[in-house]
C-alpha atoms as a PDB file:
ATOM      1  CA  MET A   1       1.369 -19.946  35.305  1.00  0.00           C
ATOM      2  CA  MET A   2      -1.074 -17.121  34.485  1.00  0.00           C
ATOM      3  CA  LYS A   3       1.644 -14.566  34.993  1.00  0.00           C
ATOM      4  CA  VAL A   4       3.901 -16.337  32.640  1.00  0.00           C
ATOM      5  CA  THR A   5       1.330 -16.334  29.992  1.00  0.00           C
ATOM      6  CA  MET A   6       0.501 -12.764  30.421  1.00  0.00           C
ATOM      7  CA  ALA A   7       4.068 -11.841  30.310  1.00  0.00           C
ATOM      8  CA  THR A   8       4.477 -13.799  27.186  1.00  0.00           C
ATOM      9  CA  CYS A   9       1.538 -12.181  25.673  1.00  0.00           C
ATOM     10  CA  ALA A  10       2.652  -8.693  26.596  1.00  0.00           C
ATOM     11  CA  ALA A  11       6.023  -9.294  25.132  1.00  0.00           C
ATOM     12  CA  PHE A  12       4.613 -10.552  21.924  1.00  0.00           C
ATOM     13  CA  LEU A  13       2.328  -7.559  21.702  1.00  0.00           C
ATOM     14  CA  ALA A  14       5.383  -5.140  22.337  1.00  0.00           C
ATOM     15  CA  LEU A  15       7.361  -6.920  19.600  1.00  0.00           C
ATOM     16  CA  SER A  16       4.524  -6.754  17.100  1.00  0.00           C
ATOM     17  CA  THR A  17       3.797  -3.027  17.817  1.00  0.00           C
ATOM     18  CA  ALA A  18       7.599  -2.225  17.557  1.00  0.00           C
ATOM     19  CA  ALA A  19       7.878  -4.140  14.096  1.00  0.00           C
ATOM     20  CA  TYR A  20       4.861  -2.169  12.916  1.00  0.00           C
ATOM     21  CA  ALA A  21       6.249   1.094  14.053  1.00  0.00           C
ATOM     22  CA  ASP A  22       9.274   0.790  12.109  1.00  0.00           C
ATOM     23  CA  PHE A  23       7.536   1.297   9.028  1.00  0.00           C
ATOM     24  CA  GLN A  24       7.667   4.977   8.013  1.00  0.00           C
ATOM     25  CA  PRO A  25       4.961   6.502   5.739  1.00  0.00           C
ATOM     26  CA  VAL A  26       5.767   7.672   2.419  1.00  0.00           C
ATOM     27  CA  LYS A  27       4.348  11.115   2.042  1.00  0.00           C
ATOM     28  CA  SER A  28       5.094  12.338  -1.439  1.00  0.00           C
ATOM     29  CA  GLN A  29       5.107  10.896  -5.063  1.00  0.00           C
ATOM     30  CA  ALA A  30       8.831  11.862  -5.395  1.00  0.00           C
ATOM     31  CA  ASP A  31       9.734   9.794  -2.391  1.00  0.00           C
ATOM     32  CA  PHE A  32       7.685   6.885  -3.596  1.00  0.00           C
ATOM     33  CA  VAL A  33       9.426   7.041  -6.963  1.00  0.00           C
ATOM     34  CA  SER A  34      12.761   7.054  -5.515  1.00  0.00           C
ATOM     35  CA  VAL A  35      11.899   4.073  -3.402  1.00  0.00           C
ATOM     36  CA  VAL A  36      10.576   1.813  -6.248  1.00  0.00           C
ATOM     37  CA  THR A  37      12.459   2.871  -9.373  1.00  0.00           C
ATOM     38  CA  GLY A  38      14.570   0.025 -10.684  1.00  0.00           C
ATOM     39  CA  LYS A  39      13.238  -2.286  -8.032  1.00  0.00           C
ATOM     40  CA  LYS A  40      11.086  -5.419  -8.177  1.00  0.00           C
ATOM     41  CA  LEU A  41       8.466  -5.773  -5.335  1.00  0.00           C
ATOM     42  CA  THR A  42       8.300  -9.316  -4.429  1.00  0.00           C
ATOM     43  CA  ARG A  43       6.583 -11.589  -1.957  1.00  0.00           C
ATOM     44  CA  PRO A  44       5.784 -15.288  -2.251  1.00  0.00           C
ATOM     45  CA  LEU A  45       4.362 -16.075  -5.694  1.00  0.00           C
ATOM     46  CA  VAL A  46       4.304 -12.431  -6.575  1.00  0.00           C
ATOM     47  CA  GLU A  47       6.833 -10.136  -8.519  1.00  0.00           C
ATOM     48  CA  LEU A  48       5.796  -6.643  -9.500  1.00  0.00           C
ATOM     49  CA  ARG A  49       7.431  -3.567 -11.032  1.00  0.00           C
ATOM     50  CA  VAL A  50       6.068  -0.001 -10.419  1.00  0.00           C
ATOM     51  CA  SER A  51       7.453   2.460 -12.759  1.00  0.00           C
ATOM     52  CA  ALA A  52       7.945   6.026 -12.487  1.00  0.00           C
ATOM     53  CA  ASN A  53       5.663   6.698 -15.601  1.00  0.00           C
ATOM     54  CA  GLY A  54       2.702   5.243 -13.772  1.00  0.00           C
ATOM     55  CA  ALA A  55       2.634   1.628 -15.132  1.00  0.00           C
ATOM     56  CA  ILE A  56       2.449  -1.456 -13.062  1.00  0.00           C
ATOM     57  CA  SER A  57       3.524  -4.974 -14.491  1.00  0.00           C
ATOM     58  CA  GLY A  58       4.436  -8.225 -13.248  1.00  0.00           C
ATOM     59  CA  THR A  59       3.084 -11.592 -12.297  1.00  0.00           C
ATOM     60  CA  GLY A  60       0.909 -13.073  -9.359  1.00  0.00           C
ATOM     61  CA  ALA A  61       1.041 -16.837  -9.072  1.00  0.00           C
ATOM     62  CA  VAL A  62       1.151 -17.714 -12.877  1.00  0.00           C
ATOM     63  CA  TRP A  63      -1.006 -14.998 -13.969  1.00  0.00           C
ATOM     64  CA  ASP A  64      -0.067 -11.635 -15.543  1.00  0.00           C
ATOM     65  CA  VAL A  65      -0.610  -8.357 -13.497  1.00  0.00           C
ATOM     66  CA  SER A  66      -0.980  -5.010 -15.302  1.00  0.00           C
ATOM     67  CA  GLY A  67      -2.247  -1.671 -14.134  1.00  0.00           C
ATOM     68  CA  SER A  68      -1.618   1.967 -13.572  1.00  0.00           C
ATOM     69  CA  TRP A  69      -1.173   4.341 -10.759  1.00  0.00           C
ATOM     70  CA  THR A  70      -1.178   7.903  -9.639  1.00  0.00           C
ATOM     71  CA  TRP A  71      -0.353   9.660  -6.555  1.00  0.00           C
ATOM     72  CA  LYS A  72      -3.414  11.527  -5.057  1.00  0.00           C
ATOM     73  CA  ASP A  73      -3.612  13.420  -1.819  1.00  0.00           C
ATOM     74  CA  GLY A  74      -0.775  11.478  -0.230  1.00  0.00           C
ATOM     75  CA  PHE A  75      -1.861   7.942  -1.357  1.00  0.00           C
ATOM     76  CA  PHE A  76      -0.880   5.420  -4.055  1.00  0.00           C
ATOM     77  CA  CYS A  77      -3.990   5.177  -6.155  1.00  0.00           C
ATOM     78  CA  ARG A  78      -4.022   2.296  -8.608  1.00  0.00           C
ATOM     79  CA  THR A  79      -6.135   0.240 -11.026  1.00  0.00           C
ATOM     80  CA  LEU A  80      -5.150  -3.426 -11.345  1.00  0.00           C
ATOM     81  CA  GLU A  81      -5.857  -6.473 -13.519  1.00  0.00           C
ATOM     82  CA  TRP A  82      -4.673  -9.893 -12.489  1.00  0.00           C
ATOM     83  CA  GLY A  83      -5.149 -12.858 -14.643  1.00  0.00           C
ATOM     84  CA  GLY A  84      -7.694 -10.810 -16.722  1.00  0.00           C
ATOM     85  CA  ASP A  85      -9.800  -9.906 -13.787  1.00  0.00           C
ATOM     86  CA  ASP A  86     -10.262  -6.207 -12.915  1.00  0.00           C
ATOM     87  CA  LEU A  87      -9.371  -5.716  -9.191  1.00  0.00           C
ATOM     88  CA  GLY A  88     -10.559  -2.115  -9.500  1.00  0.00           C
ATOM     89  CA  TYR A  89      -9.419   1.247  -8.251  1.00  0.00           C
ATOM     90  CA  ASN A  90      -8.037   1.648  -4.660  1.00  0.00           C
ATOM     91  CA  CYS A  91      -5.897   4.274  -2.885  1.00  0.00           C
ATOM     92  CA  GLN A  92      -3.415   2.956  -0.427  1.00  0.00           C
ATOM     93  CA  GLU A  93      -1.182   4.053   2.177  1.00  0.00           C
ATOM     94  CA  VAL A  94       2.459   3.355   1.520  1.00  0.00           C
ATOM     95  CA  GLU A  95       5.118   2.902   4.280  1.00  0.00           C
ATOM     96  CA  ILE A  96       8.847   1.635   4.071  1.00  0.00           C
ATOM     97  CA  ASN A  97      11.111   0.098   6.452  1.00  0.00           C
ATOM     98  CA  GLY A  98      14.519  -0.710   4.918  1.00  0.00           C
ATOM     99  CA  GLY A  99      14.119  -3.182   2.239  1.00  0.00           C
ATOM    100  CA  LYS A 100      10.374  -3.661   2.742  1.00  0.00           C
ATOM    101  CA  ILE A 101       7.443  -1.648   1.466  1.00  0.00           C
ATOM    102  CA  ARG A 102       3.882  -1.930   2.818  1.00  0.00           C
ATOM    103  CA  PHE A 103       0.730  -1.022   1.116  1.00  0.00           C
ATOM    104  CA  THR A 104      -2.560  -0.642   3.054  1.00  0.00           C
ATOM    105  CA  SER A 105      -5.673  -0.483   1.125  1.00  0.00           C
ATOM    106  CA  ASP A 106      -8.425   1.819   1.604  1.00  0.00           C
ATOM    107  CA  LYS A 107      -6.358   4.796   2.377  1.00  0.00           C
ATOM    108  CA  GLY A 108      -4.631   3.041   5.341  1.00  0.00           C
ATOM    109  CA  THR A 109      -7.750   1.272   6.852  1.00  0.00           C
ATOM    110  CA  GLY A 110      -7.846  -1.864   5.012  1.00  0.00           C
ATOM    111  CA  ASP A 111      -5.653  -4.920   4.544  1.00  0.00           C
ATOM    112  CA  SER A 112      -1.971  -4.591   4.104  1.00  0.00           C
ATOM    113  CA  ALA A 113       0.480  -6.328   1.868  1.00  0.00           C
ATOM    114  CA  ASP A 114       4.250  -6.290   2.562  1.00  0.00           C
ATOM    115  CA  PHE A 115       6.767  -6.552  -0.291  1.00  0.00           C
ATOM    116  CA  THR A 116      10.689  -6.911  -0.429  1.00  0.00           C
ATOM    117  CA  LEU A 117      12.196  -4.380  -2.680  1.00  0.00           C
ATOM    118  CA  ARG A 118      14.865  -6.209  -4.828  1.00  0.00           C
END
């Protein structure tokens, strides 16, 4: 029984690592803009637009989201307001995998959020 459990855990970890590895880093502002231009970034209860001119807009749950972004030293750096609350400034690592985009806060060391590109 122990061997089956260990094999199951090893298989799960391998699949999890493989799924994470499929995401490729976005290295430049031009690449980022080409990925998000004309697309909605969606996840449950969230729909955002990130424009080439540096604006962020959309909704999160039932509240408006707005902000601005710049590309700095290989990171997506943004300010954000959600429902009138200032979420502050944060530089994030960006990765893509087909129709998915992942933002990882604190220059890639913090929490991640995956969005579908529509």
